Every structure is written in structure tokens, then in C-alpha cells.
Amino acid sequence: MVRTFLKPDNQNISIRLPQSFIGKRIEVIAFIVDETNDDQIISDPVQTYFASEKVLSKDWLTPEEENAWKDL
């Protein structure tokens, strides 16, 4: 993972990626750090859902879980 903070002086930015990123699908997210806080993110149920879904699915989508819930 590459994480960096910058203060652009125009609408164009450029990032240098590690060689291991070449040819792979990556996600780049831009937001204003000063305008976000943890309280906003946590209190928004839609954002919490999207943030949690992928992580939780690793535990939910297992044969053990399927077996545990099969009778319900």
C-alpha cells in the first residue's frame, strides 16, 4: 500500500507507483483531509456498510459458516 499526503497547486497531480503495481488494478481516492473526520464516517450507515462488507464477507462466506446457519 502506498499512502501519501499532498497539497496540489493546480488540478493535475502525478504519483509514482512501485514496480509491483504495474499491470495491476489499483484504486486511487482523493479527498480533503481537513473536511473529514472519523465521526462523520462512522455515523453514515451507507459508508459503514461499504467499508465493512468486503472485510466481513471473508468470515461469512466460509464452509464453516454455511454449516452453522444451514438449519435456519
PDB file of N, CA and C in Angstrom:
ATOM      1  N   MET A   1       0.843  -1.172   0.000  1.00  0.00           N
ATOM      2  CA  MET A   1       0.000   0.000   0.000  1.00  0.00           C
ATOM      3  C   MET A   1       0.886   1.232   0.000  1.00  0.00           C
ATOM      4  N   VAL A   2       0.491   2.197  -0.772  1.00  0.00           N
ATOM      5  CA  VAL A   2       1.174   3.480  -0.813  1.00  0.00           C
ATOM      6  C   VAL A   2       0.208   4.528  -0.281  1.00  0.00           C
ATOM      7  N   ARG A   3       0.648   5.295   0.683  1.00  0.00           N
ATOM      8  CA  ARG A   3      -0.193   6.367   1.207  1.00  0.00           C
ATOM      9  C   ARG A   3       0.651   7.617   1.286  1.00  0.00           C
ATOM     10  N   THR A   4       0.123   8.686   0.742  1.00  0.00           N
ATOM     11  CA  THR A   4       0.856   9.941   0.752  1.00  0.00           C
ATOM     12  C   THR A   4      -0.113  11.102   0.895  1.00  0.00           C
ATOM     13  N   PHE A   5       0.370  12.186   1.416  1.00  0.00           N
ATOM     14  CA  PHE A   5      -0.417  13.402   1.535  1.00  0.00           C
ATOM     15  C   PHE A   5       0.240  14.462   0.674  1.00  0.00           C
ATOM     16  N   LEU A   6      -0.560  15.255   0.003  1.00  0.00           N
ATOM     17  CA  LEU A   6      -0.001  16.323  -0.807  1.00  0.00           C
ATOM     18  C   LEU A   6      -0.944  17.504  -0.824  1.00  0.00           C
ATOM     19  N   LYS A   7      -0.412  18.641  -1.194  1.00  0.00           N
ATOM     20  CA  LYS A   7      -1.198  19.862  -1.316  1.00  0.00           C
ATOM     21  C   LYS A   7      -0.987  20.367  -2.740  1.00  0.00           C
ATOM     22  N   PRO A   8      -1.912  20.012  -3.666  1.00  0.00           N
ATOM     23  CA  PRO A   8      -1.714  20.395  -5.067  1.00  0.00           C
ATOM     24  C   PRO A   8      -1.827  21.905  -5.276  1.00  0.00           C
ATOM     25  N   ASP A   9      -1.070  22.388  -6.250  1.00  0.00           N
ATOM     26  CA  ASP A   9      -1.141  23.815  -6.583  1.00  0.00           C
ATOM     27  C   ASP A   9      -1.888  24.039  -7.904  1.00  0.00           C
ATOM     28  N   ASN A  10      -2.410  22.942  -8.499  1.00  0.00           N
ATOM     29  CA  ASN A  10      -3.276  23.038  -9.669  1.00  0.00           C
ATOM     30  C   ASN A  10      -4.137  21.778  -9.720  1.00  0.00           C
ATOM     31  N   GLN A  11      -4.897  21.586 -10.792  1.00  0.00           N
ATOM     32  CA  GLN A  11      -5.824  20.458 -10.866  1.00  0.00           C
ATOM     33  C   GLN A  11      -5.170  19.146 -11.280  1.00  0.00           C
ATOM     34  N   ASN A  12      -3.920  19.159 -11.586  1.00  0.00           N
ATOM     35  CA  ASN A  12      -3.229  17.949 -12.017  1.00  0.00           C
ATOM     36  C   ASN A  12      -2.304  17.435 -10.927  1.00  0.00           C
ATOM     37  N   ILE A  13      -2.357  16.114 -10.693  1.00  0.00           N
ATOM     38  CA  ILE A  13      -1.399  15.501  -9.782  1.00  0.00           C
ATOM     39  C   ILE A  13      -0.783  14.293 -10.480  1.00  0.00           C
ATOM     40  N   SER A  14       0.364  13.895 -10.031  1.00  0.00           N
ATOM     41  CA  SER A  14       1.049  12.739 -10.587  1.00  0.00           C
ATOM     42  C   SER A  14       1.620  11.944  -9.424  1.00  0.00           C
ATOM     43  N   ILE A  15       1.467  10.619  -9.483  1.00  0.00           N
ATOM     44  CA  ILE A  15       2.040   9.783  -8.434  1.00  0.00           C
ATOM     45  C   ILE A  15       2.968   8.758  -9.063  1.00  0.00           C
ATOM     46  N   ARG A  16       3.979   8.392  -8.336  1.00  0.00           N
ATOM     47  CA  ARG A  16       4.926   7.377  -8.786  1.00  0.00           C
ATOM     48  C   ARG A  16       4.611   6.098  -8.021  1.00  0.00           C
ATOM     49  N   LEU A  17       4.356   5.030  -8.744  1.00  0.00           N
ATOM     50  CA  LEU A  17       3.971   3.770  -8.139  1.00  0.00           C
ATOM     51  C   LEU A  17       5.145   2.801  -8.072  1.00  0.00           C
ATOM     52  N   PRO A  18       5.124   1.912  -7.104  1.00  0.00           N
ATOM     53  CA  PRO A  18       6.144   0.864  -7.054  1.00  0.00           C
ATOM     54  C   PRO A  18       6.046  -0.044  -8.290  1.00  0.00           C
ATOM     55  N   GLN A  19       7.124  -0.618  -8.681  1.00  0.00           N
ATOM     56  CA  GLN A  19       7.164  -1.503  -9.844  1.00  0.00           C
ATOM     57  C   GLN A  19       6.147  -2.633  -9.710  1.00  0.00           C
ATOM     58  N   SER A  20       5.918  -3.121  -8.487  1.00  0.00           N
ATOM     59  CA  SER A  20       4.995  -4.236  -8.283  1.00  0.00           C
ATOM     60  C   SER A  20       3.540  -3.879  -8.585  1.00  0.00           C
ATOM     61  N   PHE A  21       3.219  -2.594  -8.714  1.00  0.00           N
ATOM     62  CA  PHE A  21       1.864  -2.165  -9.038  1.00  0.00           C
ATOM     63  C   PHE A  21       1.586  -2.203 -10.537  1.00  0.00           C
ATOM     64  N   ILE A  22       2.607  -2.233 -11.343  1.00  0.00           N
ATOM     65  CA  ILE A  22       2.449  -2.163 -12.795  1.00  0.00           C
ATOM     66  C   ILE A  22       1.628  -3.359 -13.287  1.00  0.00           C
ATOM     67  N   GLY A  23       0.594  -3.064 -14.071  1.00  0.00           N
ATOM     68  CA  GLY A  23      -0.247  -4.102 -14.643  1.00  0.00           C
ATOM     69  C   GLY A  23      -1.353  -4.591 -13.723  1.00  0.00           C
ATOM     70  N   LYS A  24      -1.417  -4.053 -12.517  1.00  0.00           N
ATOM     71  CA  LYS A  24      -2.451  -4.472 -11.574  1.00  0.00           C
ATOM     72  C   LYS A  24      -3.512  -3.395 -11.449  1.00  0.00           C
ATOM     73  N   ARG A  25      -4.688  -3.802 -11.047  1.00  0.00           N
ATOM     74  CA  ARG A  25      -5.787  -2.865 -10.826  1.00  0.00           C
ATOM     75  C   ARG A  25      -5.580  -2.206  -9.464  1.00  0.00           C
ATOM     76  N   ILE A  26      -5.555  -0.879  -9.449  1.00  0.00           N
ATOM     77  CA  ILE A  26      -5.377  -0.148  -8.201  1.00  0.00           C
ATOM     78  C   ILE A  26      -6.513   0.846  -8.028  1.00  0.00           C
ATOM     79  N   GLU A  27      -6.684   1.334  -6.820  1.00  0.00           N
ATOM     80  CA  GLU A  27      -7.705   2.332  -6.534  1.00  0.00           C
ATOM     81  C   GLU A  27      -7.013   3.570  -5.993  1.00  0.00           C
ATOM     82  N   VAL A  28      -7.376   4.707  -6.534  1.00  0.00           N
ATOM     83  CA  VAL A  28      -6.842   5.981  -6.071  1.00  0.00           C
ATOM     84  C   VAL A  28      -8.024   6.800  -5.576  1.00  0.00           C
ATOM     85  N   ILE A  29      -7.937   7.273  -4.352  1.00  0.00           N
ATOM     86  CA  ILE A  29      -9.020   8.048  -3.746  1.00  0.00           C
ATOM     87  C   ILE A  29      -8.463   9.407  -3.355  1.00  0.00           C
ATOM     88  N   ALA A  30      -9.195  10.451  -3.682  1.00  0.00           N
ATOM     89  CA  ALA A  30      -8.781  11.804  -3.301  1.00  0.00           C
ATOM     90  C   ALA A  30      -9.896  12.445  -2.492  1.00  0.00           C
ATOM     91  N   PHE A  31      -9.549  12.965  -1.335  1.00  0.00           N
ATOM     92  CA  PHE A  31     -10.499  13.704  -0.514  1.00  0.00           C
ATOM     93  C   PHE A  31      -9.732  14.742   0.279  1.00  0.00           C
ATOM     94  N   ILE A  32     -10.444  15.715   0.757  1.00  0.00           N
ATOM     95  CA  ILE A  32      -9.816  16.794   1.510  1.00  0.00           C
ATOM     96  C   ILE A  32      -9.733  16.364   2.968  1.00  0.00           C
ATOM     97  N   VAL A  33      -8.531  16.211   3.476  1.00  0.00           N
ATOM     98  CA  VAL A  33      -8.313  15.713   4.830  1.00  0.00           C
ATOM     99  C   VAL A  33      -8.951  16.633   5.865  1.00  0.00           C
ATOM    100  N   ASP A  34      -8.837  17.924   5.708  1.00  0.00           N
ATOM    101  CA  ASP A  34      -9.359  18.869   6.687  1.00  0.00           C
ATOM    102  C   ASP A  34     -10.880  18.856   6.781  1.00  0.00           C
ATOM    103  N   GLU A  35     -11.568  18.312   5.775  1.00  0.00           N
ATOM    104  CA  GLU A  35     -13.024  18.333   5.758  1.00  0.00           C
ATOM    105  C   GLU A  35     -13.657  17.015   6.167  1.00  0.00           C
ATOM    106  N   THR A  36     -12.865  16.049   6.576  1.00  0.00           N
ATOM    107  CA  THR A  36     -13.412  14.778   7.024  1.00  0.00           C
ATOM    108  C   THR A  36     -12.968  14.516   8.451  1.00  0.00           C
ATOM    109  N   ASN A  37     -13.771  13.750   9.139  1.00  0.00           N
ATOM    110  CA  ASN A  37     -13.371  13.294  10.464  1.00  0.00           C
ATOM    111  C   ASN A  37     -13.999  11.938  10.722  1.00  0.00           C
ATOM    112  N   ASP A  38     -13.475  11.222  11.671  1.00  0.00           N
ATOM    113  CA  ASP A  38     -13.950   9.867  11.938  1.00  0.00           C
ATOM    114  C   ASP A  38     -15.418   9.836  12.349  1.00  0.00           C
ATOM    115  N   ASP A  39     -15.902  10.865  13.053  1.00  0.00           N
ATOM    116  CA  ASP A  39     -17.298  10.891  13.478  1.00  0.00           C
ATOM    117  C   ASP A  39     -18.240  10.909  12.278  1.00  0.00           C
ATOM    118  N   GLN A  40     -17.901  11.668  11.244  1.00  0.00           N
ATOM    119  CA  GLN A  40     -18.724  11.720  10.035  1.00  0.00           C
ATOM    120  C   GLN A  40     -18.795  10.356   9.377  1.00  0.00           C
ATOM    121  N   ILE A  41     -17.680   9.720   9.219  1.00  0.00           N
ATOM    122  CA  ILE A  41     -17.617   8.452   8.504  1.00  0.00           C
ATOM    123  C   ILE A  41     -18.373   7.369   9.263  1.00  0.00           C
ATOM    124  N   ILE A  42     -18.165   7.270  10.553  1.00  0.00           N
ATOM    125  CA  ILE A  42     -18.802   6.235  11.348  1.00  0.00           C
ATOM    126  C   ILE A  42     -20.307   6.448  11.437  1.00  0.00           C
ATOM    127  N   SER A  43     -20.768   7.682  11.496  1.00  0.00           N
ATOM    128  CA  SER A  43     -22.188   7.939  11.657  1.00  0.00           C
ATOM    129  C   SER A  43     -22.983   7.749  10.365  1.00  0.00           C
ATOM    130  N   ASP A  44     -22.325   7.618   9.240  1.00  0.00           N
ATOM    131  CA  ASP A  44     -23.014   7.421   7.969  1.00  0.00           C
ATOM    132  C   ASP A  44     -23.169   5.920   7.736  1.00  0.00           C
ATOM    133  N   PRO A  45     -24.384   5.371   7.881  1.00  0.00           N
ATOM    134  CA  PRO A  45     -24.558   3.925   7.761  1.00  0.00           C
ATOM    135  C   PRO A  45     -24.206   3.373   6.381  1.00  0.00           C
ATOM    136  N   VAL A  46     -24.398   4.150   5.339  1.00  0.00           N
ATOM    137  CA  VAL A  46     -24.064   3.665   3.998  1.00  0.00           C
ATOM    138  C   VAL A  46     -22.557   3.484   3.869  1.00  0.00           C
ATOM    139  N   GLN A  47     -21.790   4.446   4.315  1.00  0.00           N
ATOM    140  CA  GLN A  47     -20.335   4.322   4.246  1.00  0.00           C
ATOM    141  C   GLN A  47     -19.842   3.174   5.120  1.00  0.00           C
ATOM    142  N   THR A  48     -20.436   3.010   6.291  1.00  0.00           N
ATOM    143  CA  THR A  48     -20.047   1.914   7.177  1.00  0.00           C
ATOM    144  C   THR A  48     -20.327   0.572   6.512  1.00  0.00           C
ATOM    145  N   TYR A  49     -21.462   0.472   5.843  1.00  0.00           N
ATOM    146  CA  TYR A  49     -21.814  -0.762   5.146  1.00  0.00           C
ATOM    147  C   TYR A  49     -20.767  -1.112   4.092  1.00  0.00           C
ATOM    148  N   PHE A  50     -20.449  -0.150   3.240  1.00  0.00           N
ATOM    149  CA  PHE A  50     -19.496  -0.423   2.173  1.00  0.00           C
ATOM    150  C   PHE A  50     -18.105  -0.727   2.721  1.00  0.00           C
ATOM    151  N   ALA A  51     -17.721  -0.059   3.786  1.00  0.00           N
ATOM    152  CA  ALA A  51     -16.413  -0.294   4.376  1.00  0.00           C
ATOM    153  C   ALA A  51     -16.342  -1.669   5.020  1.00  0.00           C
ATOM    154  N   SER A  52     -17.456  -2.163   5.540  1.00  0.00           N
ATOM    155  CA  SER A  52     -17.468  -3.417   6.281  1.00  0.00           C
ATOM    156  C   SER A  52     -17.719  -4.644   5.405  1.00  0.00           C
ATOM    157  N   GLU A  53     -18.447  -4.481   4.337  1.00  0.00           N
ATOM    158  CA  GLU A  53     -18.927  -5.623   3.563  1.00  0.00           C
ATOM    159  C   GLU A  53     -17.809  -6.571   3.133  1.00  0.00           C
ATOM    160  N   LYS A  54     -16.786  -6.072   2.527  1.00  0.00           N
ATOM    161  CA  LYS A  54     -15.722  -6.933   1.998  1.00  0.00           C
ATOM    162  C   LYS A  54     -14.963  -7.637   3.117  1.00  0.00           C
ATOM    163  N   VAL A  55     -14.675  -6.912   4.178  1.00  0.00           N
ATOM    164  CA  VAL A  55     -13.927  -7.492   5.296  1.00  0.00           C
ATOM    165  C   VAL A  55     -14.754  -8.579   5.979  1.00  0.00           C
ATOM    166  N   LEU A  56     -16.019  -8.279   6.230  1.00  0.00           N
ATOM    167  CA  LEU A  56     -16.865  -9.247   6.917  1.00  0.00           C
ATOM    168  C   LEU A  56     -17.171 -10.465   6.062  1.00  0.00           C
ATOM    169  N   SER A  57     -17.239 -10.284   4.751  1.00  0.00           N
ATOM    170  CA  SER A  57     -17.555 -11.415   3.877  1.00  0.00           C
ATOM    171  C   SER A  57     -16.492 -12.504   3.959  1.00  0.00           C
ATOM    172  N   LYS A  58     -15.275 -12.149   4.323  1.00  0.00           N
ATOM    173  CA  LYS A  58     -14.218 -13.165   4.473  1.00  0.00           C
ATOM    174  C   LYS A  58     -14.573 -14.148   5.581  1.00  0.00           C
ATOM    175  N   ASP A  59     -15.226 -13.659   6.633  1.00  0.00           N
ATOM    176  CA  ASP A  59     -15.645 -14.536   7.721  1.00  0.00           C
ATOM    177  C   ASP A  59     -16.979 -15.211   7.424  1.00  0.00           C
ATOM    178  N   TRP A  60     -17.861 -14.524   6.721  1.00  0.00           N
ATOM    179  CA  TRP A  60     -19.199 -15.044   6.475  1.00  0.00           C
ATOM    180  C   TRP A  60     -19.223 -16.106   5.395  1.00  0.00           C
ATOM    181  N   LEU A  61     -18.443 -15.947   4.375  1.00  0.00           N
ATOM    182  CA  LEU A  61     -18.522 -16.831   3.215  1.00  0.00           C
ATOM    183  C   LEU A  61     -17.537 -17.988   3.336  1.00  0.00           C
ATOM    184  N   THR A  62     -17.720 -18.771   4.380  1.00  0.00           N
ATOM    185  CA  THR A  62     -16.857 -19.936   4.599  1.00  0.00           C
ATOM    186  C   THR A  62     -17.739 -21.169   4.744  1.00  0.00           C
ATOM    187  N   PRO A  63     -17.199 -22.341   4.470  1.00  0.00           N
ATOM    188  CA  PRO A  63     -17.975 -23.569   4.662  1.00  0.00           C
ATOM    189  C   PRO A  63     -18.443 -23.735   6.115  1.00  0.00           C
ATOM    190  N   GLU A  64     -17.622 -23.326   7.055  1.00  0.00           N
ATOM    191  CA  GLU A  64     -17.991 -23.430   8.466  1.00  0.00           C
ATOM    192  C   GLU A  64     -19.232 -22.589   8.777  1.00  0.00           C
ATOM    193  N   GLU A  65     -19.265 -21.374   8.247  1.00  0.00           N
ATOM    194  CA  GLU A  65     -20.426 -20.504   8.464  1.00  0.00           C
ATOM    195  C   GLU A  65     -21.670 -21.063   7.786  1.00  0.00           C
ATOM    196  N   GLU A  66     -21.529 -21.573   6.576  1.00  0.00           N
ATOM    197  CA  GLU A  66     -22.658 -22.172   5.875  1.00  0.00           C
ATOM    198  C   GLU A  66     -23.233 -23.323   6.689  1.00  0.00           C
ATOM    199  N   ASN A  67     -22.346 -24.143   7.240  1.00  0.00           N
ATOM    200  CA  ASN A  67     -22.777 -25.271   8.046  1.00  0.00           C
ATOM    201  C   ASN A  67     -23.480 -24.802   9.323  1.00  0.00           C
ATOM    202  N   ALA A  68     -22.968 -23.766   9.946  1.00  0.00           N
ATOM    203  CA  ALA A  68     -23.545 -23.260  11.184  1.00  0.00           C
ATOM    204  C   ALA A  68     -24.960 -22.699  10.977  1.00  0.00           C
ATOM    205  N   TRP A  69     -25.218 -22.138   9.814  1.00  0.00           N
ATOM    206  CA  TRP A  69     -26.508 -21.473   9.547  1.00  0.00           C
ATOM    207  C   TRP A  69     -27.461 -22.313   8.689  1.00  0.00           C
ATOM    208  N   LYS A  70     -27.089 -23.516   8.327  1.00  0.00           N
ATOM    209  CA  LYS A  70     -27.878 -24.291   7.376  1.00  0.00           C
ATOM    210  C   LYS A  70     -29.293 -24.612   7.843  1.00  0.00           C
ATOM    211  N   ASP A  71     -29.512 -24.703   9.156  1.00  0.00           N
ATOM    212  CA  ASP A  71     -30.841 -25.084   9.679  1.00  0.00           C
ATOM    213  C   ASP A  71     -31.752 -23.889   9.905  1.00  0.00           C
ATOM    214  N   LEU A  72     -31.288 -22.709   9.649  1.00  0.00           N
ATOM    215  CA  LEU A  72     -32.123 -21.520   9.895  1.00  0.00           C
ATOM    216  C   LEU A  72     -32.887 -21.094   8.668  1.00  0.00           C
TER     217      LEU A  72
END
